[in-house]
Amino acid sequence: MRKTRQLYKEREFSSLPKSVLQAQHHRETSMMERVQHITKSAMRRASQIEVTPQAKRNLQELFINFTLLLICLLLIYIIVLLSS
């Protein structure tokens, strides 16, 4: 699939001048670098966020409640399947 896509791209851009292709490649590369920079800075900021013990406990309780709800829904689904 990847080779097919690459061949299609080559055929599509084969008529374009080399300078245009180089400019497009440069734009794509600089865009990827910008995305990487934004991602790294967001990760850095997120890692510096402090979570209070109360907030951590609330999140744990929320996760447990959500998990229990999913288990109950699964059990109800199984019971309905077995009863029909």
Protein backbone atom coordinates (compact mmCIF):
# COMPACT_ATOMS: atom_id res chain seq x y z
CA MET A 1 0.00 0.00 0.00
CA ARG A 2 2.79 2.39 0.90
CA LYS A 3 4.64 1.72 -2.39
CA THR A 4 1.44 2.32 -4.36
CA ARG A 5 0.89 5.63 -2.59
CA GLN A 6 4.50 6.65 -3.20
CA LEU A 7 4.29 5.74 -6.90
CA TYR A 8 1.06 7.72 -7.23
CA LYS A 9 2.73 10.71 -5.59
CA GLU A 10 5.74 10.45 -7.89
CA ARG A 11 3.51 10.30 -10.99
CA GLU A 12 1.40 13.17 -9.71
CA PHE A 13 4.37 15.46 -9.09
CA SER A 14 6.66 14.26 -11.88
CA SER A 15 5.56 17.13 -14.11
CA LEU A 16 6.37 19.77 -11.50
CA PRO A 17 9.73 21.59 -11.57
CA LYS A 18 12.35 20.45 -9.08
CA SER A 19 12.30 23.80 -7.23
CA VAL A 20 8.55 23.45 -6.57
CA LEU A 21 9.06 19.91 -5.25
CA GLN A 22 11.89 21.07 -2.99
CA ALA A 23 9.77 23.95 -1.66
CA GLN A 24 6.90 21.57 -0.92
CA HIS A 25 9.25 19.14 0.84
CA HIS A 26 10.66 22.03 2.91
CA ARG A 27 7.12 23.11 3.93
CA GLU A 28 6.21 19.56 4.96
CA THR A 29 9.44 19.19 6.94
CA SER A 30 9.05 22.53 8.71
CA MET A 31 5.41 21.68 9.53
CA MET A 32 6.48 18.38 11.10
CA GLU A 33 9.17 20.17 13.11
CA ARG A 34 6.58 22.68 14.36
CA VAL A 35 4.22 19.88 15.39
CA GLN A 36 7.06 18.11 17.23
CA HIS A 37 8.00 21.34 19.02
CA ILE A 38 4.39 22.02 20.07
CA THR A 39 3.99 18.42 21.27
CA LYS A 40 7.21 18.51 23.29
CA SER A 41 6.34 21.82 24.95
CA ALA A 42 2.82 20.57 25.77
CA MET A 43 4.27 17.40 27.32
CA ARG A 44 6.73 19.51 29.32
CA ARG A 45 3.91 21.73 30.64
CA ALA A 46 1.68 18.75 31.41
CA SER A 47 4.43 17.01 33.37
CA GLN A 48 4.81 20.09 35.61
CA ILE A 49 1.15 20.14 36.67
CA GLU A 50 0.74 19.15 40.29
CA VAL A 51 -2.30 17.07 41.25
CA THR A 52 -3.56 17.40 44.80
CA PRO A 53 -4.17 14.20 46.79
CA GLN A 54 -7.90 15.00 46.91
CA ALA A 55 -8.07 15.33 43.11
CA LYS A 56 -6.11 12.10 42.72
CA ARG A 57 -8.49 10.28 45.07
CA ASN A 58 -11.52 11.68 43.20
CA LEU A 59 -10.12 10.47 39.88
CA GLN A 60 -9.46 7.01 41.32
CA GLU A 61 -13.01 6.81 42.66
CA LEU A 62 -14.39 7.99 39.32
CA PHE A 63 -12.38 5.33 37.48
CA ILE A 64 -13.57 2.62 39.88
CA ASN A 65 -17.21 3.70 39.49
CA PHE A 66 -16.88 3.75 35.72
CA THR A 67 -15.30 0.28 35.72
CA LEU A 68 -18.06 -1.09 37.96
CA LEU A 69 -20.69 0.41 35.70
CA LEU A 70 -19.12 -1.27 32.66
CA ILE A 71 -19.02 -4.62 34.49
CA CYS A 72 -22.69 -4.28 35.45
CA LEU A 73 -23.68 -3.44 31.88
CA LEU A 74 -21.72 -6.43 30.61
CA LEU A 75 -23.43 -8.72 33.12
CA ILE A 76 -26.87 -7.38 32.13
CA TYR A 77 -26.02 -7.97 28.48
CA ILE A 78 -24.92 -11.55 29.21
CA ILE A 79 -28.08 -12.24 31.22
CA VAL A 80 -30.27 -10.88 28.43
CA LEU A 81 -28.42 -13.01 25.88
CA LEU A 82 -28.75 -16.15 27.99
CA SER A 83 -32.43 -15.59 28.70
CA SER A 84 -33.44 -15.27 25.05
